[in-house]
Amino acid sequence: MTKELTHRANELKELGWNQEDLFKYIELWDYRQRWGSINLEREDRQFLRKAESLLPEISKKKVSVKKPLKEKSYYCWLQYFLDEMNKFESKENLQDGMRGIWPIFLEEELRIIDYYEPVLGLPDTIKAKLIAPIREDLVKVALEIYGEFTKTIQFDFESVLVNAKSNGTNSSWRPLRDVDTDKKHDYPIIDKSCVLEFRQKVSEKLLSFIKDNLPSLAETDKSLPPNDWIH
């Protein structure tokens, strides 16, 4: 069978595949297209073979369509939460320059992704789940260091995700926070005087993690960005 030049999720959808399996197929196909199948798990390779066995032979005239980075599910997930937090903060009448800790996390992660341009396929997004505890640890660091310059309000992380799914944005998105405490809706905001320093701490942590742990960046020769890139 001629090798496909673009994924064929629409055809699988017509065959009755559910959204979860379609999402998995797209992510695995994208990863294999760029990096080959050598790093995929055996069951993932079998999953792709199963999908392809159900599809008719493709035309040689198909044109390759590469999904842009900003349209990848993981990127959209981060951007969605950031947009919702920006809307939330705009209604809170914060003092000039104050910023929530959580949008700082998301802004820096998105900026690093833009810089390194990982594939953001399934292997990357599985590894990226380990960023969640890094964010939670940095929340504690911020409260310890900037406690007197911090105020905490409430942001319903869960409802934001429920709204996204109910609007059909993406049913496979996971919670941004996977914690079950009485502080799970705490939304710390730090003073303008602390924002840049904290942003640097976040950037340092996420830069090293993303570059060293996402499988699609294993062989990247792109160096760390300059020290002043945060300004």
C-alpha atoms as a PDB file:
ATOM      1  CA  MET A   1       0.000   0.000   0.000  1.00  0.00           C
ATOM      2  CA  THR A   2       1.281   3.464  -0.850  1.00  0.00           C
ATOM      3  CA  LYS A   3       2.486   5.275   2.257  1.00  0.00           C
ATOM      4  CA  GLU A   4       0.008   7.954   3.322  1.00  0.00           C
ATOM      5  CA  LEU A   5       1.158  11.567   3.141  1.00  0.00           C
ATOM      6  CA  THR A   6      -1.389  12.920   5.598  1.00  0.00           C
ATOM      7  CA  HIS A   7      -3.369  11.289   8.383  1.00  0.00           C
ATOM      8  CA  ARG A   8      -6.792   9.913   7.490  1.00  0.00           C
ATOM      9  CA  ALA A   9      -8.746  10.422  10.686  1.00  0.00           C
ATOM     10  CA  ASN A  10     -11.826  11.611   8.804  1.00  0.00           C
ATOM     11  CA  GLU A  11     -12.029   8.288   6.980  1.00  0.00           C
ATOM     12  CA  LEU A  12     -11.690   6.364  10.241  1.00  0.00           C
ATOM     13  CA  LYS A  13     -14.419   8.536  11.766  1.00  0.00           C
ATOM     14  CA  GLU A  14     -16.704   7.531   8.913  1.00  0.00           C
ATOM     15  CA  LEU A  15     -15.929   3.914   9.778  1.00  0.00           C
ATOM     16  CA  GLY A  16     -17.266   4.494  13.303  1.00  0.00           C
ATOM     17  CA  TRP A  17     -14.103   5.124  15.291  1.00  0.00           C
ATOM     18  CA  ASN A  18     -14.656   7.055  18.528  1.00  0.00           C
ATOM     19  CA  GLN A  19     -13.012  10.383  19.319  1.00  0.00           C
ATOM     20  CA  GLU A  20     -10.493   8.935  21.784  1.00  0.00           C
ATOM     21  CA  ASP A  21      -9.171   6.412  19.253  1.00  0.00           C
ATOM     22  CA  LEU A  22      -9.084   9.070  16.520  1.00  0.00           C
ATOM     23  CA  PHE A  23      -7.022  11.358  18.735  1.00  0.00           C
ATOM     24  CA  LYS A  24      -4.621   8.531  19.554  1.00  0.00           C
ATOM     25  CA  TYR A  25      -4.283   7.644  15.869  1.00  0.00           C
ATOM     26  CA  ILE A  26      -3.518  11.256  14.867  1.00  0.00           C
ATOM     27  CA  GLU A  27      -0.858  11.689  17.565  1.00  0.00           C
ATOM     28  CA  LEU A  28       0.851   8.364  16.784  1.00  0.00           C
ATOM     29  CA  TRP A  29       0.722   8.991  13.042  1.00  0.00           C
ATOM     30  CA  ASP A  30       2.243  12.441  13.472  1.00  0.00           C
ATOM     31  CA  TYR A  31       5.076  11.102  15.631  1.00  0.00           C
ATOM     32  CA  ARG A  32       5.876   8.267  13.214  1.00  0.00           C
ATOM     33  CA  GLN A  33       5.784  10.594  10.219  1.00  0.00           C
ATOM     34  CA  ARG A  34       8.477  12.801  11.715  1.00  0.00           C
ATOM     35  CA  TRP A  35      10.573  10.388  13.747  1.00  0.00           C
ATOM     36  CA  GLY A  36       9.788   6.923  12.477  1.00  0.00           C
ATOM     37  CA  SER A  37       8.261   4.066  14.451  1.00  0.00           C
ATOM     38  CA  ILE A  38      11.402   2.813  16.213  1.00  0.00           C
ATOM     39  CA  ASN A  39      10.608   4.590  19.495  1.00  0.00           C
ATOM     40  CA  LEU A  40       6.933   3.637  19.544  1.00  0.00           C
ATOM     41  CA  GLU A  41       5.730   0.919  21.884  1.00  0.00           C
ATOM     42  CA  ARG A  42       4.771  -2.400  20.294  1.00  0.00           C
ATOM     43  CA  GLU A  43       1.088  -1.877  21.028  1.00  0.00           C
ATOM     44  CA  ASP A  44       1.226   1.590  19.434  1.00  0.00           C
ATOM     45  CA  ARG A  45       2.693   0.142  16.237  1.00  0.00           C
ATOM     46  CA  GLN A  46      -0.020  -2.517  16.256  1.00  0.00           C
ATOM     47  CA  PHE A  47      -2.639   0.198  16.735  1.00  0.00           C
ATOM     48  CA  LEU A  48      -1.403   2.049  13.651  1.00  0.00           C
ATOM     49  CA  ARG A  49      -1.314  -1.142  11.592  1.00  0.00           C
ATOM     50  CA  LYS A  50      -4.894  -1.893  12.627  1.00  0.00           C
ATOM     51  CA  ALA A  51      -6.016   1.580  11.526  1.00  0.00           C
ATOM     52  CA  GLU A  52      -4.230   1.320   8.189  1.00  0.00           C
ATOM     53  CA  SER A  53      -5.617  -2.144   7.510  1.00  0.00           C
ATOM     54  CA  LEU A  54      -9.121  -0.698   7.606  1.00  0.00           C
ATOM     55  CA  LEU A  55      -8.392   2.048   5.081  1.00  0.00           C
ATOM     56  CA  PRO A  56      -8.514   1.650   1.302  1.00  0.00           C
ATOM     57  CA  GLU A  57      -5.332   2.122  -0.676  1.00  0.00           C
ATOM     58  CA  ILE A  58      -4.583   5.825  -0.997  1.00  0.00           C
ATOM     59  CA  SER A  59      -3.976   7.785  -4.147  1.00  0.00           C
ATOM     60  CA  LYS A  60      -0.417   8.811  -4.983  1.00  0.00           C
ATOM     61  CA  LYS A  61      -1.756  12.298  -5.611  1.00  0.00           C
ATOM     62  CA  LYS A  62      -2.461  13.014  -1.936  1.00  0.00           C
ATOM     63  CA  VAL A  63      -0.668  16.126  -0.682  1.00  0.00           C
ATOM     64  CA  SER A  64       1.253  16.119   2.593  1.00  0.00           C
ATOM     65  CA  VAL A  65      -0.365  18.265   5.271  1.00  0.00           C
ATOM     66  CA  LYS A  66       1.675  18.819   8.421  1.00  0.00           C
ATOM     67  CA  LYS A  67      -0.302  19.956  11.441  1.00  0.00           C
ATOM     68  CA  PRO A  68       1.083  23.276  12.748  1.00  0.00           C
ATOM     69  CA  LEU A  69       2.524  23.296  16.268  1.00  0.00           C
ATOM     70  CA  LYS A  70      -0.113  25.718  17.535  1.00  0.00           C
ATOM     71  CA  GLU A  71      -2.853  23.320  16.424  1.00  0.00           C
ATOM     72  CA  LYS A  72      -1.508  20.351  18.398  1.00  0.00           C
ATOM     73  CA  SER A  73      -3.845  19.265  21.172  1.00  0.00           C
ATOM     74  CA  TYR A  74      -1.328  19.778  23.996  1.00  0.00           C
ATOM     75  CA  TYR A  75      -0.500  23.299  22.812  1.00  0.00           C
ATOM     76  CA  CYS A  76      -4.198  24.178  22.481  1.00  0.00           C
ATOM     77  CA  TRP A  77      -4.840  22.788  25.967  1.00  0.00           C
ATOM     78  CA  LEU A  78      -2.249  25.094  27.527  1.00  0.00           C
ATOM     79  CA  GLN A  79      -3.407  28.066  25.456  1.00  0.00           C
ATOM     80  CA  TYR A  80      -7.038  27.497  26.403  1.00  0.00           C
ATOM     81  CA  PHE A  81      -6.299  27.594  30.139  1.00  0.00           C
ATOM     82  CA  LEU A  82      -4.079  30.654  29.677  1.00  0.00           C
ATOM     83  CA  ASP A  83      -6.812  32.491  27.774  1.00  0.00           C
ATOM     84  CA  GLU A  84      -9.349  31.677  30.487  1.00  0.00           C
ATOM     85  CA  MET A  85      -6.976  32.916  33.199  1.00  0.00           C
ATOM     86  CA  ASN A  86      -6.355  36.136  31.308  1.00  0.00           C
ATOM     87  CA  LYS A  87     -10.116  36.722  31.111  1.00  0.00           C
ATOM     88  CA  PHE A  88     -10.447  35.917  34.810  1.00  0.00           C
ATOM     89  CA  GLU A  89      -7.698  38.333  35.850  1.00  0.00           C
ATOM     90  CA  SER A  90      -9.086  41.131  33.659  1.00  0.00           C
ATOM     91  CA  LYS A  91     -12.250  41.076  35.800  1.00  0.00           C
ATOM     92  CA  GLU A  92     -10.450  41.087  39.160  1.00  0.00           C
ATOM     93  CA  ASN A  93      -9.284  44.724  39.173  1.00  0.00           C
ATOM     94  CA  LEU A  94      -5.710  43.786  40.030  1.00  0.00           C
ATOM     95  CA  GLN A  95      -3.115  46.428  40.727  1.00  0.00           C
ATOM     96  CA  ASP A  96      -1.008  47.324  37.713  1.00  0.00           C
ATOM     97  CA  GLY A  97       1.611  44.678  36.967  1.00  0.00           C
ATOM     98  CA  MET A  98       0.313  41.997  39.344  1.00  0.00           C
ATOM     99  CA  ARG A  99       0.143  38.560  37.773  1.00  0.00           C
ATOM    100  CA  GLY A 100      -1.186  35.144  38.666  1.00  0.00           C
ATOM    101  CA  ILE A 101       1.363  32.400  39.232  1.00  0.00           C
ATOM    102  CA  TRP A 102      -0.500  29.944  37.004  1.00  0.00           C
ATOM    103  CA  PRO A 103      -0.547  32.028  33.822  1.00  0.00           C
ATOM    104  CA  ILE A 104       3.187  32.615  34.306  1.00  0.00           C
ATOM    105  CA  PHE A 105       3.663  28.830  34.181  1.00  0.00           C
ATOM    106  CA  LEU A 106       1.629  28.527  31.013  1.00  0.00           C
ATOM    107  CA  GLU A 107       3.190  31.513  29.274  1.00  0.00           C
ATOM    108  CA  GLU A 108       6.690  30.172  29.874  1.00  0.00           C
ATOM    109  CA  GLU A 109       5.832  26.623  28.836  1.00  0.00           C
ATOM    110  CA  LEU A 110       4.258  27.828  25.600  1.00  0.00           C
ATOM    111  CA  ARG A 111       7.225  30.081  24.903  1.00  0.00           C
ATOM    112  CA  ILE A 112       9.663  27.200  25.396  1.00  0.00           C
ATOM    113  CA  ILE A 113       7.580  24.990  23.119  1.00  0.00           C
ATOM    114  CA  ASP A 114       7.647  27.723  20.483  1.00  0.00           C
ATOM    115  CA  TYR A 115      11.434  27.901  20.848  1.00  0.00           C
ATOM    116  CA  TYR A 116      12.252  24.183  20.665  1.00  0.00           C
ATOM    117  CA  GLU A 117       9.327  23.082  18.483  1.00  0.00           C
ATOM    118  CA  PRO A 118       8.844  19.529  19.816  1.00  0.00           C
ATOM    119  CA  VAL A 119       6.551  17.171  17.898  1.00  0.00           C
ATOM    120  CA  LEU A 120       3.994  17.109  20.750  1.00  0.00           C
ATOM    121  CA  GLY A 121       2.826  13.673  19.706  1.00  0.00           C
ATOM    122  CA  LEU A 122       1.772  11.004  22.175  1.00  0.00           C
ATOM    123  CA  PRO A 123       5.294  10.188  23.505  1.00  0.00           C
ATOM    124  CA  ASP A 124       5.913  13.892  24.204  1.00  0.00           C
ATOM    125  CA  THR A 125       2.563  14.497  25.876  1.00  0.00           C
ATOM    126  CA  ILE A 126       2.984  11.442  28.102  1.00  0.00           C
ATOM    127  CA  LYS A 127       6.313  12.811  29.342  1.00  0.00           C
ATOM    128  CA  ALA A 128       4.828  16.289  29.681  1.00  0.00           C
ATOM    129  CA  LYS A 129       2.466  14.988  32.373  1.00  0.00           C
ATOM    130  CA  LEU A 130       5.500  15.150  34.683  1.00  0.00           C
ATOM    131  CA  ILE A 131       5.391  18.941  34.422  1.00  0.00           C
ATOM    132  CA  ALA A 132       2.313  18.976  36.679  1.00  0.00           C
ATOM    133  CA  PRO A 133       4.217  18.279  39.931  1.00  0.00           C
ATOM    134  CA  ILE A 134       6.867  20.821  38.892  1.00  0.00           C
ATOM    135  CA  ARG A 135       4.148  23.475  38.717  1.00  0.00           C
ATOM    136  CA  GLU A 136       2.787  22.465  42.124  1.00  0.00           C
ATOM    137  CA  ASP A 137       6.276  22.633  43.673  1.00  0.00           C
ATOM    138  CA  LEU A 138       6.818  26.085  42.179  1.00  0.00           C
ATOM    139  CA  VAL A 139       3.543  27.270  43.703  1.00  0.00           C
ATOM    140  CA  LYS A 140       4.954  26.347  47.128  1.00  0.00           C
ATOM    141  CA  VAL A 141       8.241  28.085  46.316  1.00  0.00           C
ATOM    142  CA  ALA A 142       6.433  31.256  45.290  1.00  0.00           C
ATOM    143  CA  LEU A 143       4.347  31.321  48.469  1.00  0.00           C
ATOM    144  CA  GLU A 144       7.438  30.781  50.622  1.00  0.00           C
ATOM    145  CA  ILE A 145       9.515  33.473  48.922  1.00  0.00           C
ATOM    146  CA  TYR A 146       6.878  36.082  48.087  1.00  0.00           C
ATOM    147  CA  GLY A 147       4.313  35.382  50.784  1.00  0.00           C
ATOM    148  CA  GLU A 148       3.941  38.998  51.935  1.00  0.00           C
ATOM    149  CA  PHE A 149       3.678  40.127  48.309  1.00  0.00           C
ATOM    150  CA  THR A 150       1.036  37.543  47.401  1.00  0.00           C
ATOM    151  CA  LYS A 151      -2.717  37.467  47.549  1.00  0.00           C
ATOM    152  CA  THR A 152      -4.754  34.343  46.891  1.00  0.00           C
ATOM    153  CA  ILE A 153      -8.136  34.301  45.216  1.00  0.00           C
ATOM    154  CA  GLN A 154     -10.243  31.403  43.931  1.00  0.00           C
ATOM    155  CA  PHE A 155     -10.224  30.080  40.363  1.00  0.00           C
ATOM    156  CA  ASP A 156     -12.326  27.055  39.432  1.00  0.00           C
ATOM    157  CA  PHE A 157      -9.843  24.959  37.429  1.00  0.00           C
ATOM    158  CA  GLU A 158     -12.331  22.101  37.119  1.00  0.00           C
ATOM    159  CA  SER A 159     -15.196  24.169  35.730  1.00  0.00           C
ATOM    160  CA  VAL A 160     -12.926  25.672  33.074  1.00  0.00           C
ATOM    161  CA  LEU A 161     -12.148  22.181  31.793  1.00  0.00           C
ATOM    162  CA  VAL A 162     -15.786  21.070  31.981  1.00  0.00           C
ATOM    163  CA  ASN A 163     -16.803  24.113  29.933  1.00  0.00           C
ATOM    164  CA  ALA A 164     -14.175  23.321  27.310  1.00  0.00           C
ATOM    165  CA  LYS A 165     -15.475  19.778  26.935  1.00  0.00           C
ATOM    166  CA  SER A 166     -19.128  20.798  26.922  1.00  0.00           C
ATOM    167  CA  ASN A 167     -18.366  23.244  24.112  1.00  0.00           C
ATOM    168  CA  GLY A 168     -16.800  20.442  22.109  1.00  0.00           C
ATOM    169  CA  THR A 169     -13.282  21.922  22.336  1.00  0.00           C
ATOM    170  CA  ASN A 170     -11.549  18.624  23.090  1.00  0.00           C
ATOM    171  CA  SER A 171     -13.055  15.760  25.048  1.00  0.00           C
ATOM    172  CA  SER A 172      -9.657  14.166  25.709  1.00  0.00           C
ATOM    173  CA  TRP A 173      -8.125  17.098  27.625  1.00  0.00           C
ATOM    174  CA  ARG A 174      -7.062  16.325  31.167  1.00  0.00           C
ATOM    175  CA  PRO A 175      -7.209  18.574  34.266  1.00  0.00           C
ATOM    176  CA  LEU A 176      -4.463  21.167  34.618  1.00  0.00           C
ATOM    177  CA  ARG A 177      -4.211  20.326  38.315  1.00  0.00           C
ATOM    178  CA  ASP A 178      -4.526  16.778  39.614  1.00  0.00           C
ATOM    179  CA  VAL A 179      -4.860  17.595  43.302  1.00  0.00           C
ATOM    180  CA  ASP A 180      -7.641  16.871  45.751  1.00  0.00           C
ATOM    181  CA  THR A 181      -7.252  19.277  48.666  1.00  0.00           C
ATOM    182  CA  ASP A 182      -9.192  22.175  50.094  1.00  0.00           C
ATOM    183  CA  LYS A 183      -6.717  24.458  48.291  1.00  0.00           C
ATOM    184  CA  LYS A 184      -7.226  23.027  44.800  1.00  0.00           C
ATOM    185  CA  HIS A 185      -8.876  26.254  43.620  1.00  0.00           C
ATOM    186  CA  ASP A 186      -6.298  28.585  45.169  1.00  0.00           C
ATOM    187  CA  TYR A 187      -4.994  31.070  42.630  1.00  0.00           C
ATOM    188  CA  PRO A 188      -2.020  33.024  44.025  1.00  0.00           C
ATOM    189  CA  ILE A 189      -1.246  36.418  42.515  1.00  0.00           C
ATOM    190  CA  ILE A 190       2.129  38.065  43.064  1.00  0.00           C
ATOM    191  CA  ASP A 191       3.121  41.701  43.159  1.00  0.00           C
ATOM    192  CA  LYS A 192       4.653  43.404  40.133  1.00  0.00           C
ATOM    193  CA  SER A 193       8.026  43.581  41.916  1.00  0.00           C
ATOM    194  CA  CYS A 194       8.230  39.765  42.072  1.00  0.00           C
ATOM    195  CA  VAL A 195       6.966  38.803  38.621  1.00  0.00           C
ATOM    196  CA  LEU A 196      10.216  38.916  36.644  1.00  0.00           C
ATOM    197  CA  GLU A 197      12.241  37.026  39.254  1.00  0.00           C
ATOM    198  CA  PHE A 198       9.608  34.317  39.549  1.00  0.00           C
ATOM    199  CA  ARG A 199       9.245  34.092  35.776  1.00  0.00           C
ATOM    200  CA  GLN A 200      12.982  33.398  35.568  1.00  0.00           C
ATOM    201  CA  LYS A 201      12.692  30.601  38.130  1.00  0.00           C
ATOM    202  CA  VAL A 202       9.837  29.018  36.157  1.00  0.00           C
ATOM    203  CA  SER A 203      11.684  29.355  32.867  1.00  0.00           C
ATOM    204  CA  GLU A 204      14.832  27.697  34.224  1.00  0.00           C
ATOM    205  CA  LYS A 205      12.884  24.714  35.562  1.00  0.00           C
ATOM    206  CA  LEU A 206      10.790  24.185  32.451  1.00  0.00           C
ATOM    207  CA  LEU A 207      13.615  24.760  29.980  1.00  0.00           C
ATOM    208  CA  SER A 208      15.740  21.997  31.435  1.00  0.00           C
ATOM    209  CA  PHE A 209      12.829  19.586  31.807  1.00  0.00           C
ATOM    210  CA  ILE A 210      11.393  20.054  28.325  1.00  0.00           C
ATOM    211  CA  LYS A 211      14.743  19.909  26.534  1.00  0.00           C
ATOM    212  CA  ASP A 212      15.945  16.852  28.461  1.00  0.00           C
ATOM    213  CA  ASN A 213      12.753  14.808  28.656  1.00  0.00           C
ATOM    214  CA  LEU A 214      10.554  15.193  25.578  1.00  0.00           C
ATOM    215  CA  PRO A 215      11.433  12.267  23.264  1.00  0.00           C
ATOM    216  CA  SER A 216      11.174  14.325  20.076  1.00  0.00           C
ATOM    217  CA  LEU A 217      13.908  16.658  21.381  1.00  0.00           C
ATOM    218  CA  ALA A 218      16.327  13.854  22.241  1.00  0.00           C
ATOM    219  CA  GLU A 219      18.564  14.654  19.290  1.00  0.00           C
ATOM    220  CA  THR A 220      17.981  18.383  19.008  1.00  0.00           C
ATOM    221  CA  ASP A 221      21.085  20.459  18.497  1.00  0.00           C
ATOM    222  CA  LYS A 222      19.352  23.673  19.449  1.00  0.00           C
ATOM    223  CA  SER A 223      21.120  25.335  22.368  1.00  0.00           C
ATOM    224  CA  LEU A 224      19.515  26.911  25.404  1.00  0.00           C
ATOM    225  CA  PRO A 225      18.167  30.386  24.665  1.00  0.00           C
ATOM    226  CA  PRO A 226      20.263  33.376  25.791  1.00  0.00           C
ATOM    227  CA  ASN A 227      20.028  34.398  29.440  1.00  0.00           C
ATOM    228  CA  ASP A 228      18.274  37.654  28.584  1.00  0.00           C
ATOM    229  CA  TRP A 229      15.539  36.108  26.435  1.00  0.00           C
ATOM    230  CA  ILE A 230      13.029  36.560  29.237  1.00  0.00           C
ATOM    231  CA  HIS A 231      13.169  40.367  29.132  1.00  0.00           C
END
